[in-house]
PDB file of N, CA and C in Angstrom:
ATOM      1  N   MET A   1      61.101 159.754 202.736  1.00  0.00           N
ATOM      2  CA  MET A   1      60.805 158.407 202.281  1.00  0.00           C
ATOM      3  C   MET A   1      61.462 157.392 203.193  1.00  0.00           C
ATOM      4  N   ARG A   2      60.774 156.329 203.527  1.00  0.00           N
ATOM      5  CA  ARG A   2      61.310 155.289 204.409  1.00  0.00           C
ATOM      6  C   ARG A   2      62.088 154.272 203.608  1.00  0.00           C
ATOM      7  N   ASN A   3      63.047 153.670 204.254  1.00  0.00           N
ATOM      8  CA  ASN A   3      63.724 152.552 203.604  1.00  0.00           C
ATOM      9  C   ASN A   3      63.181 151.251 204.180  1.00  0.00           C
ATOM     10  N   ASN A   4      63.568 150.145 203.623  1.00  0.00           N
ATOM     11  CA  ASN A   4      63.042 148.847 204.045  1.00  0.00           C
ATOM     12  C   ASN A   4      63.401 148.507 205.489  1.00  0.00           C
ATOM     13  N   ASP A   5      64.444 149.086 206.038  1.00  0.00           N
ATOM     14  CA  ASP A   5      64.850 148.788 207.414  1.00  0.00           C
ATOM     15  C   ASP A   5      63.816 149.257 208.427  1.00  0.00           C
ATOM     16  N   ASP A   6      62.987 150.269 208.058  1.00  0.00           N
ATOM     17  CA  ASP A   6      61.953 150.741 208.974  1.00  0.00           C
ATOM     18  C   ASP A   6      60.853 149.698 209.158  1.00  0.00           C
ATOM     19  N   PHE A   7      60.649 148.812 208.158  1.00  0.00           N
ATOM     20  CA  PHE A   7      59.580 147.822 208.215  1.00  0.00           C
ATOM     21  C   PHE A   7      60.061 146.446 208.655  1.00  0.00           C
ATOM     22  N   PHE A   8      61.263 146.111 208.382  1.00  0.00           N
ATOM     23  CA  PHE A   8      61.788 144.770 208.682  1.00  0.00           C
ATOM     24  C   PHE A   8      63.204 144.909 209.190  1.00  0.00           C
ATOM     25  N   ASP A   9      63.418 144.437 210.428  1.00  0.00           N
ATOM     26  CA  ASP A   9      64.766 144.563 210.983  1.00  0.00           C
ATOM     27  C   ASP A   9      65.612 143.321 210.746  1.00  0.00           C
ATOM     28  N   GLY A  10      65.038 142.272 210.137  1.00  0.00           N
ATOM     29  CA  GLY A  10      65.809 141.078 209.813  1.00  0.00           C
ATOM     30  C   GLY A  10      65.864 140.054 210.921  1.00  0.00           C
ATOM     31  N   ASP A  11      65.567 140.443 212.161  1.00  0.00           N
ATOM     32  CA  ASP A  11      65.664 139.516 213.286  1.00  0.00           C
ATOM     33  C   ASP A  11      64.358 138.804 213.579  1.00  0.00           C
ATOM     34  N   GLU A  12      63.265 139.433 213.288  1.00  0.00           N
ATOM     35  CA  GLU A  12      61.982 138.879 213.707  1.00  0.00           C
ATOM     36  C   GLU A  12      60.932 139.102 212.617  1.00  0.00           C
ATOM     37  N   GLU A  13      60.104 138.105 212.404  1.00  0.00           N
ATOM     38  CA  GLU A  13      59.006 138.224 211.444  1.00  0.00           C
ATOM     39  C   GLU A  13      57.695 138.109 212.189  1.00  0.00           C
ATOM     40  N   THR A  14      56.733 138.910 211.804  1.00  0.00           N
ATOM     41  CA  THR A  14      55.414 138.877 212.427  1.00  0.00           C
ATOM     42  C   THR A  14      54.410 138.411 211.384  1.00  0.00           C
ATOM     43  N   VAL A  15      53.644 137.376 211.730  1.00  0.00           N
ATOM     44  CA  VAL A  15      52.618 136.855 210.845  1.00  0.00           C
ATOM     45  C   VAL A  15      51.280 137.057 211.516  1.00  0.00           C
ATOM     46  N   ARG A  16      50.368 137.681 210.784  1.00  0.00           N
ATOM     47  CA  ARG A  16      49.032 137.913 211.326  1.00  0.00           C
ATOM     48  C   ARG A  16      48.012 137.268 210.406  1.00  0.00           C
ATOM     49  N   SER A  17      47.031 136.586 210.956  1.00  0.00           N
ATOM     50  CA  SER A  17      45.968 136.008 210.136  1.00  0.00           C
ATOM     51  C   SER A  17      44.894 137.061 209.900  1.00  0.00           C
ATOM     52  N   VAL A  18      44.242 136.955 208.775  1.00  0.00           N
ATOM     53  CA  VAL A  18      43.203 137.908 208.404  1.00  0.00           C
ATOM     54  C   VAL A  18      41.858 137.212 208.533  1.00  0.00           C
ATOM     55  N   GLN A  19      40.904 137.888 209.112  1.00  0.00           N
ATOM     56  CA  GLN A  19      39.552 137.365 209.261  1.00  0.00           C
ATOM     57  C   GLN A  19      38.623 138.192 208.371  1.00  0.00           C
ATOM     58  N   PHE A  20      37.852 137.518 207.507  1.00  0.00           N
ATOM     59  CA  PHE A  20      36.889 138.190 206.655  1.00  0.00           C
ATOM     60  C   PHE A  20      35.497 137.949 207.191  1.00  0.00           C
ATOM     61  N   ALA A  21      34.637 138.929 207.027  1.00  0.00           N
ATOM     62  CA  ALA A  21      33.241 138.784 207.440  1.00  0.00           C
ATOM     63  C   ALA A  21      32.554 137.799 206.504  1.00  0.00           C
ATOM     64  N   PRO A  22      31.612 136.991 207.011  1.00  0.00           N
ATOM     65  CA  PRO A  22      30.907 136.052 206.131  1.00  0.00           C
ATOM     66  C   PRO A  22      30.070 136.803 205.093  1.00  0.00           C
ATOM     67  N   LEU A  23      29.934 136.188 203.910  1.00  0.00           N
ATOM     68  CA  LEU A  23      29.103 136.771 202.858  1.00  0.00           C
ATOM     69  C   LEU A  23      27.642 136.625 203.225  1.00  0.00           C
ATOM     70  N   ASP A  24      26.840 137.619 202.870  1.00  0.00           N
ATOM     71  CA  ASP A  24      25.405 137.556 203.145  1.00  0.00           C
ATOM     72  C   ASP A  24      24.752 136.529 202.248  1.00  0.00           C
ATOM     73  N   VAL A  25      23.843 135.760 202.821  1.00  0.00           N
ATOM     74  CA  VAL A  25      23.071 134.773 202.067  1.00  0.00           C
ATOM     75  C   VAL A  25      21.688 135.358 201.856  1.00  0.00           C
ATOM     76  N   GLY A  26      21.152 135.184 200.626  1.00  0.00           N
ATOM     77  CA  GLY A  26      19.826 135.715 200.294  1.00  0.00           C
ATOM     78  C   GLY A  26      18.740 135.103 201.169  1.00  0.00           C
ATOM     79  N   LEU A  27      17.581 135.734 201.208  1.00  0.00           N
ATOM     80  CA  LEU A  27      16.474 135.251 202.019  1.00  0.00           C
ATOM     81  C   LEU A  27      16.017 133.868 201.565  1.00  0.00           C
ATOM     82  N   GLY A  28      15.850 132.957 202.490  1.00  0.00           N
ATOM     83  CA  GLY A  28      15.333 131.632 202.183  1.00  0.00           C
ATOM     84  C   GLY A  28      16.344 130.704 201.521  1.00  0.00           C
ATOM     85  N   GLN A  29      17.601 131.101 201.452  1.00  0.00           N
ATOM     86  CA  GLN A  29      18.612 130.263 200.823  1.00  0.00           C
ATOM     87  C   GLN A  29      19.694 129.904 201.833  1.00  0.00           C
ATOM     88  N   THR A  30      20.201 128.706 201.707  1.00  0.00           N
ATOM     89  CA  THR A  30      21.361 128.327 202.503  1.00  0.00           C
ATOM     90  C   THR A  30      22.604 128.641 201.689  1.00  0.00           C
ATOM     91  N   GLU A  31      23.761 128.541 202.296  1.00  0.00           N
ATOM     92  CA  GLU A  31      25.008 128.824 201.583  1.00  0.00           C
ATOM     93  C   GLU A  31      25.194 127.891 200.392  1.00  0.00           C
ATOM     94  N   GLY A  32      24.858 126.610 200.527  1.00  0.00           N
ATOM     95  CA  GLY A  32      25.005 125.654 199.434  1.00  0.00           C
ATOM     96  C   GLY A  32      24.092 125.979 198.265  1.00  0.00           C
ATOM     97  N   GLN A  33      22.865 126.382 198.555  1.00  0.00           N
ATOM     98  CA  GLN A  33      21.919 126.740 197.492  1.00  0.00           C
ATOM     99  C   GLN A  33      22.386 127.965 196.730  1.00  0.00           C
ATOM    100  N   GLN A  34      22.897 128.948 197.427  1.00  0.00           N
ATOM    101  CA  GLN A  34      23.338 130.166 196.765  1.00  0.00           C
ATOM    102  C   GLN A  34      24.511 129.870 195.833  1.00  0.00           C
ATOM    103  N   SER A  35      25.455 129.059 196.257  1.00  0.00           N
ATOM    104  CA  SER A  35      26.624 128.800 195.435  1.00  0.00           C
ATOM    105  C   SER A  35      26.257 128.049 194.157  1.00  0.00           C
ATOM    106  N   ILE A  36      25.305 127.127 194.195  1.00  0.00           N
ATOM    107  CA  ILE A  36      24.913 126.387 192.996  1.00  0.00           C
ATOM    108  C   ILE A  36      24.009 127.240 192.107  1.00  0.00           C
ATOM    109  N   ASP A  37      23.212 128.121 192.676  1.00  0.00           N
ATOM    110  CA  ASP A  37      22.330 128.977 191.884  1.00  0.00           C
ATOM    111  C   ASP A  37      23.124 129.918 190.979  1.00  0.00           C
ATOM    112  N   ILE A  38      24.299 130.293 191.373  1.00  0.00           N
ATOM    113  CA  ILE A  38      25.139 131.163 190.554  1.00  0.00           C
ATOM    114  C   ILE A  38      25.526 130.459 189.261  1.00  0.00           C
ATOM    115  N   LEU A  39      25.637 129.139 189.276  1.00  0.00           N
ATOM    116  CA  LEU A  39      26.142 128.375 188.147  1.00  0.00           C
ATOM    117  C   LEU A  39      25.079 127.809 187.209  1.00  0.00           C
ATOM    118  N   VAL A  40      23.817 127.838 187.589  1.00  0.00           N
ATOM    119  CA  VAL A  40      22.806 127.130 186.803  1.00  0.00           C
ATOM    120  C   VAL A  40      22.627 127.676 185.390  1.00  0.00           C
ATOM    121  N   ASP A  41      22.965 128.913 185.124  1.00  0.00           N
ATOM    122  CA  ASP A  41      22.798 129.490 183.793  1.00  0.00           C
ATOM    123  C   ASP A  41      24.103 129.571 183.005  1.00  0.00           C
ATOM    124  N   VAL A  42      25.158 128.949 183.497  1.00  0.00           N
ATOM    125  CA  VAL A  42      26.446 128.979 182.794  1.00  0.00           C
ATOM    126  C   VAL A  42      26.412 127.948 181.667  1.00  0.00           C
ATOM    127  N   PRO A  43      26.650 128.383 180.415  1.00  0.00           N
ATOM    128  CA  PRO A  43      26.642 127.418 179.303  1.00  0.00           C
ATOM    129  C   PRO A  43      27.895 126.541 179.315  1.00  0.00           C
ATOM    130  N   LEU A  44      27.706 125.261 179.023  1.00  0.00           N
ATOM    131  CA  LEU A  44      28.806 124.306 178.950  1.00  0.00           C
ATOM    132  C   LEU A  44      28.754 123.590 177.609  1.00  0.00           C
ATOM    133  N   GLN A  45      29.909 123.175 177.125  1.00  0.00           N
ATOM    134  CA  GLN A  45      29.973 122.414 175.881  1.00  0.00           C
ATOM    135  C   GLN A  45      29.829 120.933 176.223  1.00  0.00           C
ATOM    136  N   VAL A  46      28.783 120.297 175.694  1.00  0.00           N
ATOM    137  CA  VAL A  46      28.540 118.873 175.928  1.00  0.00           C
ATOM    138  C   VAL A  46      28.780 118.140 174.606  1.00  0.00           C
ATOM    139  N   VAL A  47      29.626 117.103 174.640  1.00  0.00           N
ATOM    140  CA  VAL A  47      29.991 116.353 173.439  1.00  0.00           C
ATOM    141  C   VAL A  47      29.735 114.873 173.682  1.00  0.00           C
ATOM    142  N   ALA A  48      29.051 114.230 172.751  1.00  0.00           N
ATOM    143  CA  ALA A  48      28.891 112.775 172.758  1.00  0.00           C
ATOM    144  C   ALA A  48      29.894 112.229 171.743  1.00  0.00           C
ATOM    145  N   GLU A  49      30.891 111.521 172.223  1.00  0.00           N
ATOM    146  CA  GLU A  49      31.997 111.074 171.373  1.00  0.00           C
ATOM    147  C   GLU A  49      31.860 109.594 171.036  1.00  0.00           C
ATOM    148  N   LEU A  50      31.689 109.310 169.761  1.00  0.00           N
ATOM    149  CA  LEU A  50      31.568 107.926 169.297  1.00  0.00           C
ATOM    150  C   LEU A  50      32.905 107.204 169.340  1.00  0.00           C
ATOM    151  N   GLY A  51      33.976 107.899 169.061  1.00  0.00           N
ATOM    152  CA  GLY A  51      35.309 107.320 169.025  1.00  0.00           C
ATOM    153  C   GLY A  51      36.281 108.302 168.426  1.00  0.00           C
ATOM    154  N   ARG A  52      37.542 107.883 168.331  1.00  0.00           N
ATOM    155  CA  ARG A  52      38.585 108.748 167.793  1.00  0.00           C
ATOM    156  C   ARG A  52      39.456 107.974 166.823  1.00  0.00           C
ATOM    157  N   THR A  53      40.162 108.722 165.994  1.00  0.00           N
ATOM    158  CA  THR A  53      41.151 108.120 165.103  1.00  0.00           C
ATOM    159  C   THR A  53      42.187 109.172 164.760  1.00  0.00           C
ATOM    160  N   ARG A  54      43.328 108.723 164.263  1.00  0.00           N
ATOM    161  CA  ARG A  54      44.384 109.634 163.799  1.00  0.00           C
ATOM    162  C   ARG A  54      44.567 109.389 162.315  1.00  0.00           C
ATOM    163  N   MET A  55      44.654 110.479 161.566  1.00  0.00           N
ATOM    164  CA  MET A  55      44.835 110.375 160.127  1.00  0.00           C
ATOM    165  C   MET A  55      45.800 111.463 159.662  1.00  0.00           C
ATOM    166  N   PRO A  56      46.683 111.125 158.719  1.00  0.00           N
ATOM    167  CA  PRO A  56      47.516 112.182 158.136  1.00  0.00           C
ATOM    168  C   PRO A  56      46.659 113.098 157.255  1.00  0.00           C
ATOM    169  N   VAL A  57      47.119 114.319 157.067  1.00  0.00           N
ATOM    170  CA  VAL A  57      46.378 115.308 156.287  1.00  0.00           C
ATOM    171  C   VAL A  57      46.109 114.793 154.875  1.00  0.00           C
ATOM    172  N   LYS A  58      47.070 114.088 154.296  1.00  0.00           N
ATOM    173  CA  LYS A  58      46.867 113.602 152.918  1.00  0.00           C
ATOM    174  C   LYS A  58      45.676 112.657 152.833  1.00  0.00           C
ATOM    175  N   ASP A  59      45.425 111.834 153.873  1.00  0.00           N
ATOM    176  CA  ASP A  59      44.264 110.930 153.875  1.00  0.00           C
ATOM    177  C   ASP A  59      42.961 111.706 154.097  1.00  0.00           C
ATOM    178  N   ILE A  60      43.021 112.741 154.913  1.00  0.00           N
ATOM    179  CA  ILE A  60      41.826 113.559 155.156  1.00  0.00           C
ATOM    180  C   ILE A  60      41.410 114.266 153.864  1.00  0.00           C
ATOM    181  N   LEU A  61      42.398 114.724 153.095  1.00  0.00           N
ATOM    182  CA  LEU A  61      42.088 115.414 151.840  1.00  0.00           C
ATOM    183  C   LEU A  61      41.468 114.488 150.803  1.00  0.00           C
ATOM    184  N   LYS A  62      41.678 113.179 150.948  1.00  0.00           N
ATOM    185  CA  LYS A  62      41.116 112.204 150.018  1.00  0.00           C
ATOM    186  C   LYS A  62      39.674 111.822 150.361  1.00  0.00           C
ATOM    187  N   LEU A  63      39.184 112.233 151.535  1.00  0.00           N
ATOM    188  CA  LEU A  63      37.834 111.863 151.956  1.00  0.00           C
ATOM    189  C   LEU A  63      36.791 112.491 151.051  1.00  0.00           C
ATOM    190  N   GLY A  64      35.743 111.761 150.812  1.00  0.00           N
ATOM    191  CA  GLY A  64      34.637 112.268 150.012  1.00  0.00           C
ATOM    192  C   GLY A  64      33.332 111.701 150.520  1.00  0.00           C
ATOM    193  N   VAL A  65      32.260 112.006 149.832  1.00  0.00           N
ATOM    194  CA  VAL A  65      30.943 111.500 150.204  1.00  0.00           C
ATOM    195  C   VAL A  65      30.971 109.978 150.163  1.00  0.00           C
ATOM    196  N   GLY A  66      30.507 109.355 151.235  1.00  0.00           N
ATOM    197  CA  GLY A  66      30.461 107.903 151.307  1.00  0.00           C
ATOM    198  C   GLY A  66      31.716 107.280 151.903  1.00  0.00           C
ATOM    199  N   ALA A  67      32.741 108.075 152.193  1.00  0.00           N
ATOM    200  CA  ALA A  67      33.967 107.538 152.798  1.00  0.00           C
ATOM    201  C   ALA A  67      33.661 107.039 154.208  1.00  0.00           C
ATOM    202  N   VAL A  68      34.367 106.010 154.624  1.00  0.00           N
ATOM    203  CA  VAL A  68      34.195 105.432 155.959  1.00  0.00           C
ATOM    204  C   VAL A  68      35.483 105.641 156.734  1.00  0.00           C
ATOM    205  N   ILE A  69      35.357 106.142 157.952  1.00  0.00           N
ATOM    206  CA  ILE A  69      36.513 106.366 158.822  1.00  0.00           C
ATOM    207  C   ILE A  69      36.419 105.374 159.970  1.00  0.00           C
ATOM    208  N   GLU A  70      37.467 104.577 160.150  1.00  0.00           N
ATOM    209  CA  GLU A  70      37.494 103.591 161.235  1.00  0.00           C
ATOM    210  C   GLU A  70      37.845 104.280 162.543  1.00  0.00           C
ATOM    211  N   LEU A  71      37.027 104.043 163.576  1.00  0.00           N
ATOM    212  CA  LEU A  71      37.248 104.634 164.891  1.00  0.00           C
ATOM    213  C   LEU A  71      37.871 103.609 165.828  1.00  0.00           C
ATOM    214  N   ASP A  72      38.316 104.066 166.986  1.00  0.00           N
ATOM    215  CA  ASP A  72      38.996 103.200 167.944  1.00  0.00           C
ATOM    216  C   ASP A  72      38.048 102.439 168.872  1.00  0.00           C
ATOM    217  N   LYS A  73      36.749 102.459 168.608  1.00  0.00           N
ATOM    218  CA  LYS A  73      35.771 101.737 169.431  1.00  0.00           C
ATOM    219  C   LYS A  73      34.955 100.797 168.563  1.00  0.00           C
ATOM    220  N   LEU A  74      34.455  99.746 169.206  1.00  0.00           N
ATOM    221  CA  LEU A  74      33.569  98.813 168.514  1.00  0.00           C
ATOM    222  C   LEU A  74      32.158  99.386 168.458  1.00  0.00           C
ATOM    223  N   ALA A  75      31.337  98.857 167.575  1.00  0.00           N
ATOM    224  CA  ALA A  75      29.985  99.370 167.373  1.00  0.00           C
ATOM    225  C   ALA A  75      29.125  99.285 168.636  1.00  0.00           C
ATOM    226  N   ASP A  76      29.330  98.266 169.474  1.00  0.00           N
ATOM    227  CA  ASP A  76      28.493  98.129 170.667  1.00  0.00           C
ATOM    228  C   ASP A  76      29.142  98.703 171.931  1.00  0.00           C
ATOM    229  N   ASP A  77      30.309  99.345 171.795  1.00  0.00           N
ATOM    230  CA  ASP A  77      30.937 100.000 172.943  1.00  0.00           C
ATOM    231  C   ASP A  77      30.143 101.240 173.336  1.00  0.00           C
ATOM    232  N   PRO A  78      30.117 101.576 174.638  1.00  0.00           N
ATOM    233  CA  PRO A  78      29.430 102.804 175.042  1.00  0.00           C
ATOM    234  C   PRO A  78      30.178 104.031 174.518  1.00  0.00           C
ATOM    235  N   ILE A  79      29.426 105.095 174.266  1.00  0.00           N
ATOM    236  CA  ILE A  79      30.061 106.334 173.830  1.00  0.00           C
ATOM    237  C   ILE A  79      30.441 107.160 175.053  1.00  0.00           C
ATOM    238  N   ASP A  80      31.373 108.088 174.877  1.00  0.00           N
ATOM    239  CA  ASP A  80      31.804 108.958 175.966  1.00  0.00           C
ATOM    240  C   ASP A  80      31.002 110.251 175.929  1.00  0.00           C
ATOM    241  N   LEU A  81      30.521 110.676 177.086  1.00  0.00           N
ATOM    242  CA  LEU A  81      29.827 111.941 177.218  1.00  0.00           C
ATOM    243  C   LEU A  81      30.772 112.884 177.957  1.00  0.00           C
ATOM    244  N   ARG A  82      31.169 113.952 177.291  1.00  0.00           N
ATOM    245  CA  ARG A  82      32.152 114.885 177.843  1.00  0.00           C
ATOM    246  C   ARG A  82      31.535 116.262 178.026  1.00  0.00           C
ATOM    247  N   VAL A  83      31.879 116.902 179.134  1.00  0.00           N
ATOM    248  CA  VAL A  83      31.489 118.280 179.383  1.00  0.00           C
ATOM    249  C   VAL A  83      32.778 119.079 179.530  1.00  0.00           C
ATOM    250  N   ASN A  84      32.930 120.075 178.652  1.00  0.00           N
ATOM    251  CA  ASN A  84      34.165 120.870 178.603  1.00  0.00           C
ATOM    252  C   ASN A  84      35.394 119.970 178.538  1.00  0.00           C
ATOM    253  N   ASP A  85      35.333 118.955 177.703  1.00  0.00           N
ATOM    254  CA  ASP A  85      36.409 117.998 177.423  1.00  0.00           C
ATOM    255  C   ASP A  85      36.766 117.111 178.617  1.00  0.00           C
ATOM    256  N   LYS A  86      35.910 117.028 179.615  1.00  0.00           N
ATOM    257  CA  LYS A  86      36.129 116.137 180.751  1.00  0.00           C
ATOM    258  C   LYS A  86      35.071 115.040 180.710  1.00  0.00           C
ATOM    259  N   LEU A  87      35.526 113.788 180.763  1.00  0.00           N
ATOM    260  CA  LEU A  87      34.616 112.649 180.736  1.00  0.00           C
ATOM    261  C   LEU A  87      33.747 112.646 181.987  1.00  0.00           C
ATOM    262  N   ILE A  88      32.420 112.687 181.788  1.00  0.00           N
ATOM    263  CA  ILE A  88      31.519 112.665 182.944  1.00  0.00           C
ATOM    264  C   ILE A  88      30.638 111.428 182.975  1.00  0.00           C
ATOM    265  N   ALA A  89      30.431 110.789 181.798  1.00  0.00           N
ATOM    266  CA  ALA A  89      29.554 109.619 181.767  1.00  0.00           C
ATOM    267  C   ALA A  89      29.798 108.817 180.498  1.00  0.00           C
ATOM    268  N   LYS A  90      29.249 107.593 180.505  1.00  0.00           N
ATOM    269  CA  LYS A  90      29.238 106.743 179.320  1.00  0.00           C
ATOM    270  C   LYS A  90      27.783 106.433 179.014  1.00  0.00           C
ATOM    271  N   GLY A  91      27.478 106.270 177.747  1.00  0.00           N
ATOM    272  CA  GLY A  91      26.095 106.046 177.392  1.00  0.00           C
ATOM    273  C   GLY A  91      25.954 105.296 176.088  1.00  0.00           C
ATOM    274  N   GLU A  92      24.708 105.137 175.677  1.00  0.00           N
ATOM    275  CA  GLU A  92      24.415 104.472 174.411  1.00  0.00           C
ATOM    276  C   GLU A  92      23.539 105.377 173.567  1.00  0.00           C
ATOM    277  N   VAL A  93      23.730 105.307 172.256  1.00  0.00           N
ATOM    278  CA  VAL A  93      22.963 106.135 171.334  1.00  0.00           C
ATOM    279  C   VAL A  93      21.548 105.592 171.242  1.00  0.00           C
ATOM    280  N   VAL A  94      20.569 106.490 171.304  1.00  0.00           N
ATOM    281  CA  VAL A  94      19.162 106.123 171.145  1.00  0.00           C
ATOM    282  C   VAL A  94      18.538 107.043 170.096  1.00  0.00           C
ATOM    283  N   ALA A  95      17.510 106.564 169.436  1.00  0.00           N
ATOM    284  CA  ALA A  95      16.770 107.369 168.476  1.00  0.00           C
ATOM    285  C   ALA A  95      15.379 107.634 169.037  1.00  0.00           C
ATOM    286  N   ILE A  96      15.004 108.900 169.106  1.00  0.00           N
ATOM    287  CA  ILE A  96      13.698 109.303 169.607  1.00  0.00           C
ATOM    288  C   ILE A  96      13.053 110.134 168.517  1.00  0.00           C
ATOM    289  N   ASP A  97      11.993 109.611 167.916  1.00  0.00           N
ATOM    290  CA  ASP A  97      11.374 110.225 166.739  1.00  0.00           C
ATOM    291  C   ASP A  97      12.447 110.369 165.659  1.00  0.00           C
ATOM    292  N   ASP A  98      12.728 111.585 165.241  1.00  0.00           N
ATOM    293  CA  ASP A  98      13.735 111.802 164.206  1.00  0.00           C
ATOM    294  C   ASP A  98      15.055 112.323 164.771  1.00  0.00           C
ATOM    295  N   TYR A  99      15.239 112.232 166.087  1.00  0.00           N
ATOM    296  CA  TYR A  99      16.422 112.794 166.731  1.00  0.00           C
ATOM    297  C   TYR A  99      17.247 111.698 167.400  1.00  0.00           C
ATOM    298  N   PHE A 100      18.550 111.953 167.485  1.00  0.00           N
ATOM    299  CA  PHE A 100      19.432 111.072 168.245  1.00  0.00           C
ATOM    300  C   PHE A 100      19.561 111.609 169.657  1.00  0.00           C
ATOM    301  N   GLY A 101      19.800 110.717 170.592  1.00  0.00           N
ATOM    302  CA  GLY A 101      20.034 111.095 171.977  1.00  0.00           C
ATOM    303  C   GLY A 101      21.020 110.138 172.595  1.00  0.00           C
ATOM    304  N   VAL A 102      21.339 110.364 173.856  1.00  0.00           N
ATOM    305  CA  VAL A 102      22.262 109.498 174.598  1.00  0.00           C
ATOM    306  C   VAL A 102      21.588 109.084 175.888  1.00  0.00           C
ATOM    307  N   ARG A 103      21.505 107.766 176.118  1.00  0.00           N
ATOM    308  CA  ARG A 103      21.009 107.230 177.385  1.00  0.00           C
ATOM    309  C   ARG A 103      22.230 106.962 178.258  1.00  0.00           C
ATOM    310  N   ILE A 104      22.301 107.625 179.399  1.00  0.00           N
ATOM    311  CA  ILE A 104      23.450 107.470 180.293  1.00  0.00           C
ATOM    312  C   ILE A 104      23.353 106.117 180.990  1.00  0.00           C
ATOM    313  N   ILE A 105      24.431 105.339 180.902  1.00  0.00           N
ATOM    314  CA  ILE A 105      24.460 104.023 181.539  1.00  0.00           C
ATOM    315  C   ILE A 105      25.486 103.935 182.654  1.00  0.00           C
ATOM    316  N   GLU A 106      26.388 104.912 182.731  1.00  0.00           N
ATOM    317  CA  GLU A 106      27.415 104.885 183.771  1.00  0.00           C
ATOM    318  C   GLU A 106      27.939 106.294 183.995  1.00  0.00           C
ATOM    319  N   ILE A 107      28.021 106.707 185.255  1.00  0.00           N
ATOM    320  CA  ILE A 107      28.607 108.005 185.611  1.00  0.00           C
ATOM    321  C   ILE A 107      30.089 107.779 185.901  1.00  0.00           C
ATOM    322  N   ALA A 108      30.944 108.609 185.328  1.00  0.00           N
ATOM    323  CA  ALA A 108      32.389 108.461 185.511  1.00  0.00           C
ATOM    324  C   ALA A 108      32.795 108.833 186.928  1.00  0.00           C
ATOM    325  N   ASN A 109      33.824 108.180 187.438  1.00  0.00           N
ATOM    326  CA  ASN A 109      34.397 108.547 188.721  1.00  0.00           C
ATOM    327  C   ASN A 109      35.176 109.834 188.560  1.00  0.00           C
ATOM    328  N   THR A 110      35.054 110.728 189.548  1.00  0.00           N
ATOM    329  CA  THR A 110      35.754 112.014 189.431  1.00  0.00           C
ATOM    330  C   THR A 110      37.127 111.941 190.048  1.00  0.00           C
TER     331      THR A 110
END
């Protein structure tokens, strides 16, 4: 069995860089296309946030049908659109037929 002195004498260190072969790109695809294609089917959590508030548990337990909770935003303020809890855009609530939606009015700076 060798001891550590056989590999390192303490006087000199040798650093070598490693070169890897490039990854193969599929037919008809560039490197950028391949990298984004891997992600297109990944599910993400998208949340439209009207506002937030803090309440003690005792107040939450008192809530019932018809209760109103005051949020930290005004009625005409844009809502936050979050993907995986990261703000990506601001928008406004719209009604389309019987469904609610969000019209994006501003993309957040990253």
